[in-house]
Amino acid sequence: MSRVCELTGKGPMSGNNVSHANNKTRRRFLPNLNEVTLISDALGQSFRLRISAHALRSVDHRGGLDAFLAKARDEELSARALRIKREIAKSAVAAA
């Protein structure tokens, strides 16, 4: 399982550990990923996604999974999240 957020595409970054003596060694900064269950209002079902804590705050701020996916760019989303986005759009067209 890769360490990449399914909604934002945020992944590991690299940098340096810097000691008191100013020695530099390479290290990785891993995203804070959590396994959460998000509910889609349009589809009426829940989805388990592995997303970063920052993405979870963004989902809450935008008003839920449906609103977040509507604004999200397709390049950032994982294959599963992209499929969910298409299902939500399909159900919105059918309801209208």
PDB file of N, CA and C in Angstrom:
ATOM      1  N   MET A   1       0.852  -1.175   0.000  1.00  0.00           N
ATOM      2  CA  MET A   1       0.000   0.000   0.000  1.00  0.00           C
ATOM      3  C   MET A   1       0.899   1.240   0.000  1.00  0.00           C
ATOM      4  N   SER A   2       0.702   2.103  -1.002  1.00  0.00           N
ATOM      5  CA  SER A   2       1.563   3.279  -1.098  1.00  0.00           C
ATOM      6  C   SER A   2       1.141   4.348  -0.098  1.00  0.00           C
ATOM      7  N   ARG A   3       2.087   5.197   0.243  1.00  0.00           N
ATOM      8  CA  ARG A   3       1.830   6.249   1.220  1.00  0.00           C
ATOM      9  C   ARG A   3       1.404   7.522   0.501  1.00  0.00           C
ATOM     10  N   VAL A   4       0.270   7.456  -0.190  1.00  0.00           N
ATOM     11  CA  VAL A   4      -0.248   8.588  -0.950  1.00  0.00           C
ATOM     12  C   VAL A   4      -1.712   8.784  -0.585  1.00  0.00           C
ATOM     13  N   CYS A   5      -2.103  10.039  -0.355  1.00  0.00           N
ATOM     14  CA  CYS A   5      -3.490  10.368  -0.043  1.00  0.00           C
ATOM     15  C   CYS A   5      -4.348  10.125  -1.275  1.00  0.00           C
ATOM     16  N   GLU A   6      -5.489   9.463  -1.099  1.00  0.00           N
ATOM     17  CA  GLU A   6      -6.356   9.132  -2.229  1.00  0.00           C
ATOM     18  C   GLU A   6      -7.122  10.335  -2.763  1.00  0.00           C
ATOM     19  N   LEU A   7      -7.267  11.391  -1.973  1.00  0.00           N
ATOM     20  CA  LEU A   7      -8.039  12.550  -2.428  1.00  0.00           C
ATOM     21  C   LEU A   7      -7.175  13.711  -2.900  1.00  0.00           C
ATOM     22  N   THR A   8      -6.035  13.925  -2.272  1.00  0.00           N
ATOM     23  CA  THR A   8      -5.217  15.077  -2.639  1.00  0.00           C
ATOM     24  C   THR A   8      -3.949  14.704  -3.390  1.00  0.00           C
ATOM     25  N   GLY A   9      -3.569  13.444  -3.388  1.00  0.00           N
ATOM     26  CA  GLY A   9      -2.344  13.029  -4.051  1.00  0.00           C
ATOM     27  C   GLY A   9      -1.092  13.355  -3.263  1.00  0.00           C
ATOM     28  N   LYS A  10      -1.242  13.809  -2.024  1.00  0.00           N
ATOM     29  CA  LYS A  10      -0.092  14.161  -1.193  1.00  0.00           C
ATOM     30  C   LYS A  10       0.690  12.898  -0.843  1.00  0.00           C
ATOM     31  N   GLY A  11       2.001  12.923  -1.081  1.00  0.00           N
ATOM     32  CA  GLY A  11       2.851  11.770  -0.829  1.00  0.00           C
ATOM     33  C   GLY A  11       4.068  12.136  -0.015  1.00  0.00           C
ATOM     34  N   PRO A  12       5.011  11.209   0.120  1.00  0.00           N
ATOM     35  CA  PRO A  12       6.216  11.475   0.896  1.00  0.00           C
ATOM     36  C   PRO A  12       7.072  12.563   0.259  1.00  0.00           C
ATOM     37  N   MET A  13       7.709  13.371   1.112  1.00  0.00           N
ATOM     38  CA  MET A  13       8.668  14.370   0.654  1.00  0.00           C
ATOM     39  C   MET A  13      10.017  13.995   1.253  1.00  0.00           C
ATOM     40  N   SER A  14      11.088  14.511   0.667  1.00  0.00           N
ATOM     41  CA  SER A  14      12.407  14.217   1.212  1.00  0.00           C
ATOM     42  C   SER A  14      13.055  15.499   1.691  1.00  0.00           C
ATOM     43  N   GLY A  15      13.955  15.335   2.640  1.00  0.00           N
ATOM     44  CA  GLY A  15      14.654  16.474   3.206  1.00  0.00           C
ATOM     45  C   GLY A  15      15.857  15.987   3.983  1.00  0.00           C
ATOM     46  N   ASN A  16      16.327  16.790   4.884  1.00  0.00           N
ATOM     47  CA  ASN A  16      17.518  16.460   5.657  1.00  0.00           C
ATOM     48  C   ASN A  16      17.226  16.444   7.145  1.00  0.00           C
ATOM     49  N   ASN A  17      17.854  15.486   7.856  1.00  0.00           N
ATOM     50  CA  ASN A  17      18.020  15.597   9.292  1.00  0.00           C
ATOM     51  C   ASN A  17      19.257  16.451   9.503  1.00  0.00           C
ATOM     52  N   VAL A  18      19.152  17.469  10.313  1.00  0.00           N
ATOM     53  CA  VAL A  18      20.300  18.334  10.570  1.00  0.00           C
ATOM     54  C   VAL A  18      20.640  18.239  12.050  1.00  0.00           C
ATOM     55  N   SER A  19      21.859  17.771  12.326  1.00  0.00           N
ATOM     56  CA  SER A  19      22.291  17.598  13.708  1.00  0.00           C
ATOM     57  C   SER A  19      22.782  18.924  14.281  1.00  0.00           C
ATOM     58  N   HIS A  20      23.083  18.889  15.577  1.00  0.00           N
ATOM     59  CA  HIS A  20      23.612  20.083  16.238  1.00  0.00           C
ATOM     60  C   HIS A  20      24.950  20.500  15.621  1.00  0.00           C
ATOM     61  N   ALA A  21      25.705  19.501  15.133  1.00  0.00           N
ATOM     62  CA  ALA A  21      26.985  19.770  14.485  1.00  0.00           C
ATOM     63  C   ALA A  21      26.814  20.109  13.005  1.00  0.00           C
ATOM     64  N   ASN A  22      25.565  20.273  12.575  1.00  0.00           N
ATOM     65  CA  ASN A  22      25.193  20.646  11.201  1.00  0.00           C
ATOM     66  C   ASN A  22      25.516  19.545  10.191  1.00  0.00           C
ATOM     67  N   ASN A  23      25.547  18.273  10.663  1.00  0.00           N
ATOM     68  CA  ASN A  23      25.661  17.144   9.744  1.00  0.00           C
ATOM     69  C   ASN A  23      24.302  16.909   9.108  1.00  0.00           C
ATOM     70  N   LYS A  24      24.291  16.633   7.818  1.00  0.00           N
ATOM     71  CA  LYS A  24      23.032  16.450   7.108  1.00  0.00           C
ATOM     72  C   LYS A  24      22.921  15.023   6.584  1.00  0.00           C
ATOM     73  N   THR A  25      21.820  14.349   6.921  1.00  0.00           N
ATOM     74  CA  THR A  25      21.522  13.026   6.385  1.00  0.00           C
ATOM     75  C   THR A  25      20.122  13.066   5.811  1.00  0.00           C
ATOM     76  N   ARG A  26      19.905  12.339   4.726  1.00  0.00           N
ATOM     77  CA  ARG A  26      18.610  12.361   4.044  1.00  0.00           C
ATOM     78  C   ARG A  26      17.542  11.663   4.885  1.00  0.00           C
ATOM     79  N   ARG A  27      16.336  12.143   4.791  1.00  0.00           N
ATOM     80  CA  ARG A  27      15.202  11.538   5.488  1.00  0.00           C
ATOM     81  C   ARG A  27      13.947  11.738   4.654  1.00  0.00           C
ATOM     82  N   ARG A  28      12.877  11.078   5.065  1.00  0.00           N
ATOM     83  CA  ARG A  28      11.589  11.212   4.373  1.00  0.00           C
ATOM     84  C   ARG A  28      10.560  11.785   5.335  1.00  0.00           C
ATOM     85  N   PHE A  29       9.758  12.711   4.820  1.00  0.00           N
ATOM     86  CA  PHE A  29       8.619  13.242   5.565  1.00  0.00           C
ATOM     87  C   PHE A  29       7.379  12.540   5.019  1.00  0.00           C
ATOM     88  N   LEU A  30       6.742  11.710   5.845  1.00  0.00           N
ATOM     89  CA  LEU A  30       5.580  10.944   5.400  1.00  0.00           C
ATOM     90  C   LEU A  30       4.297  11.705   5.712  1.00  0.00           C
ATOM     91  N   PRO A  31       3.295  11.638   4.840  1.00  0.00           N
ATOM     92  CA  PRO A  31       2.025  12.302   5.126  1.00  0.00           C
ATOM     93  C   PRO A  31       1.283  11.578   6.249  1.00  0.00           C
ATOM     94  N   ASN A  32       0.455  12.322   6.968  1.00  0.00           N
ATOM     95  CA  ASN A  32      -0.318  11.775   8.080  1.00  0.00           C
ATOM     96  C   ASN A  32      -1.568  11.120   7.513  1.00  0.00           C
ATOM     97  N   LEU A  33      -1.463   9.848   7.123  1.00  0.00           N
ATOM     98  CA  LEU A  33      -2.573   9.139   6.482  1.00  0.00           C
ATOM     99  C   LEU A  33      -3.423   8.412   7.506  1.00  0.00           C
ATOM    100  N   ASN A  34      -4.732   8.480   7.300  1.00  0.00           N
ATOM    101  CA  ASN A  34      -5.696   7.808   8.171  1.00  0.00           C
ATOM    102  C   ASN A  34      -6.704   7.063   7.317  1.00  0.00           C
ATOM    103  N   GLU A  35      -7.126   5.915   7.803  1.00  0.00           N
ATOM    104  CA  GLU A  35      -8.169   5.129   7.140  1.00  0.00           C
ATOM    105  C   GLU A  35      -9.511   5.623   7.688  1.00  0.00           C
ATOM    106  N   VAL A  36     -10.306   6.286   6.849  1.00  0.00           N
ATOM    107  CA  VAL A  36     -11.577   6.854   7.299  1.00  0.00           C
ATOM    108  C   VAL A  36     -12.711   6.356   6.411  1.00  0.00           C
ATOM    109  N   THR A  37     -13.904   6.392   6.950  1.00  0.00           N
ATOM    110  CA  THR A  37     -15.107   6.059   6.199  1.00  0.00           C
ATOM    111  C   THR A  37     -15.879   7.348   5.957  1.00  0.00           C
ATOM    112  N   LEU A  38     -16.052   7.694   4.687  1.00  0.00           N
ATOM    113  CA  LEU A  38     -16.780   8.900   4.306  1.00  0.00           C
ATOM    114  C   LEU A  38     -18.078   8.499   3.626  1.00  0.00           C
ATOM    115  N   ILE A  39     -19.144   9.250   3.891  1.00  0.00           N
ATOM    116  CA  ILE A  39     -20.463   8.931   3.368  1.00  0.00           C
ATOM    117  C   ILE A  39     -20.804   9.881   2.235  1.00  0.00           C
ATOM    118  N   SER A  40     -21.263   9.311   1.124  1.00  0.00           N
ATOM    119  CA  SER A  40     -21.716  10.106  -0.008  1.00  0.00           C
ATOM    120  C   SER A  40     -23.222  10.313   0.129  1.00  0.00           C
ATOM    121  N   ASP A  41     -23.638  11.585   0.133  1.00  0.00           N
ATOM    122  CA  ASP A  41     -25.067  11.880   0.248  1.00  0.00           C
ATOM    123  C   ASP A  41     -25.811  11.523  -1.033  1.00  0.00           C
ATOM    124  N   ALA A  42     -25.188  11.746  -2.180  1.00  0.00           N
ATOM    125  CA  ALA A  42     -25.842  11.489  -3.461  1.00  0.00           C
ATOM    126  C   ALA A  42     -26.053  10.000  -3.697  1.00  0.00           C
ATOM    127  N   LEU A  43     -25.070   9.190  -3.324  1.00  0.00           N
ATOM    128  CA  LEU A  43     -25.162   7.751  -3.562  1.00  0.00           C
ATOM    129  C   LEU A  43     -25.782   7.004  -2.387  1.00  0.00           C
ATOM    130  N   GLY A  44     -25.754   7.615  -1.202  1.00  0.00           N
ATOM    131  CA  GLY A  44     -26.324   6.963  -0.029  1.00  0.00           C
ATOM    132  C   GLY A  44     -25.521   5.784   0.462  1.00  0.00           C
ATOM    133  N   GLN A  45     -24.214   5.788   0.238  1.00  0.00           N
ATOM    134  CA  GLN A  45     -23.383   4.703   0.732  1.00  0.00           C
ATOM    135  C   GLN A  45     -22.068   5.273   1.254  1.00  0.00           C
ATOM    136  N   SER A  46     -21.348   4.433   1.994  1.00  0.00           N
ATOM    137  CA  SER A  46     -20.098   4.889   2.593  1.00  0.00           C
ATOM    138  C   SER A  46     -18.917   4.266   1.861  1.00  0.00           C
ATOM    139  N   PHE A  47     -17.789   4.974   1.925  1.00  0.00           N
ATOM    140  CA  PHE A  47     -16.573   4.527   1.265  1.00  0.00           C
ATOM    141  C   PHE A  47     -15.415   4.634   2.239  1.00  0.00           C
ATOM    142  N   ARG A  48     -14.565   3.579   2.277  1.00  0.00           N
ATOM    143  CA  ARG A  48     -13.351   3.602   3.095  1.00  0.00           C
ATOM    144  C   ARG A  48     -12.223   4.121   2.229  1.00  0.00           C
ATOM    145  N   LEU A  49     -11.611   5.221   2.677  1.00  0.00           N
ATOM    146  CA  LEU A  49     -10.514   5.822   1.940  1.00  0.00           C
ATOM    147  C   LEU A  49      -9.329   6.051   2.866  1.00  0.00           C
ATOM    148  N   ARG A  50      -8.139   6.019   2.314  1.00  0.00           N
ATOM    149  CA  ARG A  50      -6.910   6.310   3.075  1.00  0.00           C
ATOM    150  C   ARG A  50      -6.481   7.716   2.681  1.00  0.00           C
ATOM    151  N   ILE A  51      -6.811   8.681   3.547  1.00  0.00           N
ATOM    152  CA  ILE A  51      -6.559  10.078   3.215  1.00  0.00           C
ATOM    153  C   ILE A  51      -5.744  10.748   4.311  1.00  0.00           C
ATOM    154  N   SER A  52      -5.142  11.878   3.964  1.00  0.00           N
ATOM    155  CA  SER A  52      -4.353  12.626   4.937  1.00  0.00           C
ATOM    156  C   SER A  52      -5.286  13.397   5.871  1.00  0.00           C
ATOM    157  N   ALA A  53      -4.755  13.776   7.018  1.00  0.00           N
ATOM    158  CA  ALA A  53      -5.529  14.557   7.984  1.00  0.00           C
ATOM    159  C   ALA A  53      -5.912  15.908   7.381  1.00  0.00           C
ATOM    160  N   HIS A  54      -5.036  16.479   6.559  1.00  0.00           N
ATOM    161  CA  HIS A  54      -5.325  17.753   5.888  1.00  0.00           C
ATOM    162  C   HIS A  54      -6.499  17.588   4.927  1.00  0.00           C
ATOM    163  N   ALA A  55      -6.551  16.466   4.199  1.00  0.00           N
ATOM    164  CA  ALA A  55      -7.654  16.219   3.269  1.00  0.00           C
ATOM    165  C   ALA A  55      -8.967  16.033   4.021  1.00  0.00           C
ATOM    166  N   LEU A  56      -8.928  15.399   5.183  1.00  0.00           N
ATOM    167  CA  LEU A  56     -10.135  15.213   5.981  1.00  0.00           C
ATOM    168  C   LEU A  56     -10.697  16.558   6.420  1.00  0.00           C
ATOM    169  N   ARG A  57      -9.817  17.488   6.809  1.00  0.00           N
ATOM    170  CA  ARG A  57     -10.260  18.841   7.168  1.00  0.00           C
ATOM    171  C   ARG A  57     -10.854  19.547   5.955  1.00  0.00           C
ATOM    172  N   SER A  58     -10.270  19.334   4.783  1.00  0.00           N
ATOM    173  CA  SER A  58     -10.771  19.963   3.556  1.00  0.00           C
ATOM    174  C   SER A  58     -12.144  19.413   3.175  1.00  0.00           C
ATOM    175  N   VAL A  59     -12.328  18.111   3.356  1.00  0.00           N
ATOM    176  CA  VAL A  59     -13.635  17.498   3.062  1.00  0.00           C
ATOM    177  C   VAL A  59     -14.701  18.110   3.961  1.00  0.00           C
ATOM    178  N   ASP A  60     -14.391  18.254   5.257  1.00  0.00           N
ATOM    179  CA  ASP A  60     -15.343  18.858   6.187  1.00  0.00           C
ATOM    180  C   ASP A  60     -15.616  20.318   5.823  1.00  0.00           C
ATOM    181  N   HIS A  61     -14.574  21.027   5.432  1.00  0.00           N
ATOM    182  CA  HIS A  61     -14.717  22.460   5.112  1.00  0.00           C
ATOM    183  C   HIS A  61     -15.577  22.677   3.868  1.00  0.00           C
ATOM    184  N   ARG A  62     -15.414  21.810   2.869  1.00  0.00           N
ATOM    185  CA  ARG A  62     -16.166  21.970   1.617  1.00  0.00           C
ATOM    186  C   ARG A  62     -17.585  21.435   1.703  1.00  0.00           C
ATOM    187  N   GLY A  63     -17.921  20.739   2.770  1.00  0.00           N
ATOM    188  CA  GLY A  63     -19.297  20.292   2.949  1.00  0.00           C
ATOM    189  C   GLY A  63     -19.548  18.843   2.618  1.00  0.00           C
ATOM    190  N   GLY A  64     -18.558  18.001   2.745  1.00  0.00           N
ATOM    191  CA  GLY A  64     -18.760  16.577   2.553  1.00  0.00           C
ATOM    192  C   GLY A  64     -18.015  16.032   1.352  1.00  0.00           C
ATOM    193  N   LEU A  65     -18.084  14.720   1.198  1.00  0.00           N
ATOM    194  CA  LEU A  65     -17.355  14.024   0.141  1.00  0.00           C
ATOM    195  C   LEU A  65     -17.819  14.450  -1.245  1.00  0.00           C
ATOM    196  N   ASP A  66     -19.117  14.593  -1.433  1.00  0.00           N
ATOM    197  CA  ASP A  66     -19.649  14.945  -2.760  1.00  0.00           C
ATOM    198  C   ASP A  66     -19.143  16.312  -3.217  1.00  0.00           C
ATOM    199  N   ALA A  67     -19.192  17.287  -2.334  1.00  0.00           N
ATOM    200  CA  ALA A  67     -18.740  18.636  -2.687  1.00  0.00           C
ATOM    201  C   ALA A  67     -17.236  18.665  -2.921  1.00  0.00           C
ATOM    202  N   PHE A  68     -16.486  17.903  -2.125  1.00  0.00           N
ATOM    203  CA  PHE A  68     -15.033  17.876  -2.304  1.00  0.00           C
ATOM    204  C   PHE A  68     -14.670  17.289  -3.656  1.00  0.00           C
ATOM    205  N   LEU A  69     -15.287  16.159  -4.003  1.00  0.00           N
ATOM    206  CA  LEU A  69     -14.953  15.506  -5.269  1.00  0.00           C
ATOM    207  C   LEU A  69     -15.399  16.323  -6.473  1.00  0.00           C
ATOM    208  N   ALA A  70     -16.475  17.094  -6.319  1.00  0.00           N
ATOM    209  CA  ALA A  70     -16.934  17.927  -7.431  1.00  0.00           C
ATOM    210  C   ALA A  70     -15.900  18.989  -7.786  1.00  0.00           C
ATOM    211  N   LYS A  71     -15.190  19.527  -6.773  1.00  0.00           N
ATOM    212  CA  LYS A  71     -14.192  20.570  -7.009  1.00  0.00           C
ATOM    213  C   LYS A  71     -12.801  20.013  -7.288  1.00  0.00           C
ATOM    214  N   ALA A  72     -12.534  18.748  -6.942  1.00  0.00           N
ATOM    215  CA  ALA A  72     -11.190  18.178  -7.042  1.00  0.00           C
ATOM    216  C   ALA A  72     -10.804  17.943  -8.495  1.00  0.00           C
ATOM    217  N   ARG A  73      -9.511  18.143  -8.780  1.00  0.00           N
ATOM    218  CA  ARG A  73      -8.984  17.867 -10.116  1.00  0.00           C
ATOM    219  C   ARG A  73      -8.756  16.370 -10.258  1.00  0.00           C
ATOM    220  N   ASP A  74      -9.013  15.855 -11.457  1.00  0.00           N
ATOM    221  CA  ASP A  74      -8.915  14.421 -11.694  1.00  0.00           C
ATOM    222  C   ASP A  74      -7.492  13.894 -11.543  1.00  0.00           C
ATOM    223  N   GLU A  75      -6.478  14.735 -11.829  1.00  0.00           N
ATOM    224  CA  GLU A  75      -5.090  14.276 -11.741  1.00  0.00           C
ATOM    225  C   GLU A  75      -4.688  13.945 -10.306  1.00  0.00           C
ATOM    226  N   GLU A  76      -5.284  14.623  -9.328  1.00  0.00           N
ATOM    227  CA  GLU A  76      -4.917  14.412  -7.933  1.00  0.00           C
ATOM    228  C   GLU A  76      -5.574  13.170  -7.341  1.00  0.00           C
ATOM    229  N   LEU A  77      -6.695  12.756  -7.874  1.00  0.00           N
ATOM    230  CA  LEU A  77      -7.473  11.674  -7.276  1.00  0.00           C
ATOM    231  C   LEU A  77      -6.909  10.309  -7.639  1.00  0.00           C
ATOM    232  N   SER A  78      -7.085   9.352  -6.731  1.00  0.00           N
ATOM    233  CA  SER A  78      -6.717   7.976  -7.025  1.00  0.00           C
ATOM    234  C   SER A  78      -7.771   7.371  -7.947  1.00  0.00           C
ATOM    235  N   ALA A  79      -7.505   6.176  -8.427  1.00  0.00           N
ATOM    236  CA  ALA A  79      -8.441   5.511  -9.334  1.00  0.00           C
ATOM    237  C   ALA A  79      -9.779   5.251  -8.640  1.00  0.00           C
ATOM    238  N   ARG A  80      -9.726   4.849  -7.366  1.00  0.00           N
ATOM    239  CA  ARG A  80     -10.970   4.597  -6.617  1.00  0.00           C
ATOM    240  C   ARG A  80     -11.766   5.875  -6.424  1.00  0.00           C
ATOM    241  N   ALA A  81     -11.066   6.967  -6.044  1.00  0.00           N
ATOM    242  CA  ALA A  81     -11.758   8.241  -5.819  1.00  0.00           C
ATOM    243  C   ALA A  81     -12.331   8.784  -7.119  1.00  0.00           C
ATOM    244  N   LEU A  82     -11.635   8.576  -8.224  1.00  0.00           N
ATOM    245  CA  LEU A  82     -12.129   9.028  -9.529  1.00  0.00           C
ATOM    246  C   LEU A  82     -13.393   8.267  -9.930  1.00  0.00           C
ATOM    247  N   ARG A  83     -13.425   6.972  -9.619  1.00  0.00           N
ATOM    248  CA  ARG A  83     -14.618   6.172  -9.911  1.00  0.00           C
ATOM    249  C   ARG A  83     -15.807   6.659  -9.072  1.00  0.00           C
ATOM    250  N   ILE A  84     -15.558   6.991  -7.801  1.00  0.00           N
ATOM    251  CA  ILE A  84     -16.612   7.513  -6.930  1.00  0.00           C
ATOM    252  C   ILE A  84     -17.114   8.850  -7.474  1.00  0.00           C
ATOM    253  N   LYS A  85     -16.189   9.699  -7.928  1.00  0.00           N
ATOM    254  CA  LYS A  85     -16.570  11.002  -8.475  1.00  0.00           C
ATOM    255  C   LYS A  85     -17.475  10.837  -9.699  1.00  0.00           C
ATOM    256  N   ARG A  86     -17.142   9.900 -10.567  1.00  0.00           N
ATOM    257  CA  ARG A  86     -17.958   9.663 -11.772  1.00  0.00           C
ATOM    258  C   ARG A  86     -19.341   9.115 -11.417  1.00  0.00           C
ATOM    259  N   GLU A  87     -19.406   8.236 -10.403  1.00  0.00           N
ATOM    260  CA  GLU A  87     -20.702   7.707  -9.958  1.00  0.00           C
ATOM    261  C   GLU A  87     -21.578   8.820  -9.399  1.00  0.00           C
ATOM    262  N   ILE A  88     -20.990   9.746  -8.637  1.00  0.00           N
ATOM    263  CA  ILE A  88     -21.744  10.863  -8.066  1.00  0.00           C
ATOM    264  C   ILE A  88     -22.256  11.774  -9.179  1.00  0.00           C
ATOM    265  N   ALA A  89     -21.402  12.053 -10.172  1.00  0.00           N
ATOM    266  CA  ALA A  89     -21.829  12.892 -11.293  1.00  0.00           C
ATOM    267  C   ALA A  89     -22.932  12.214 -12.092  1.00  0.00           C
ATOM    268  N   LYS A  90     -22.833  10.906 -12.258  1.00  0.00           N
ATOM    269  CA  LYS A  90     -23.849  10.156 -13.004  1.00  0.00           C
ATOM    270  C   LYS A  90     -25.196  10.193 -12.266  1.00  0.00           C
ATOM    271  N   SER A  91     -25.159  10.057 -10.943  1.00  0.00           N
ATOM    272  CA  SER A  91     -26.397  10.084 -10.167  1.00  0.00           C
ATOM    273  C   SER A  91     -27.015  11.490 -10.149  1.00  0.00           C
ATOM    274  N   ALA A  92     -26.160  12.527 -10.205  1.00  0.00           N
ATOM    275  CA  ALA A  92     -26.679  13.903 -10.243  1.00  0.00           C
ATOM    276  C   ALA A  92     -27.382  14.177 -11.573  1.00  0.00           C
ATOM    277  N   VAL A  93     -26.835  13.642 -12.667  1.00  0.00           N
ATOM    278  CA  VAL A  93     -27.475  13.817 -13.982  1.00  0.00           C
ATOM    279  C   VAL A  93     -28.800  13.056 -14.028  1.00  0.00           C
ATOM    280  N   ALA A  94     -28.824  11.863 -13.460  1.00  0.00           N
ATOM    281  CA  ALA A  94     -30.051  11.062 -13.442  1.00  0.00           C
ATOM    282  C   ALA A  94     -31.139  11.709 -12.590  1.00  0.00           C
ATOM    283  N   ALA A  95     -30.729  12.383 -11.516  1.00  0.00           N
ATOM    284  CA  ALA A  95     -31.707  13.019 -10.616  1.00  0.00           C
ATOM    285  C   ALA A  95     -32.268  14.302 -11.230  1.00  0.00           C
ATOM    286  N   ALA A  96     -31.502  14.945 -12.090  1.00  0.00           N
ATOM    287  CA  ALA A  96     -31.957  16.221 -12.681  1.00  0.00           C
ATOM    288  C   ALA A  96     -32.880  16.038 -13.846  1.00  0.00           C
TER     289      ALA A  96
END
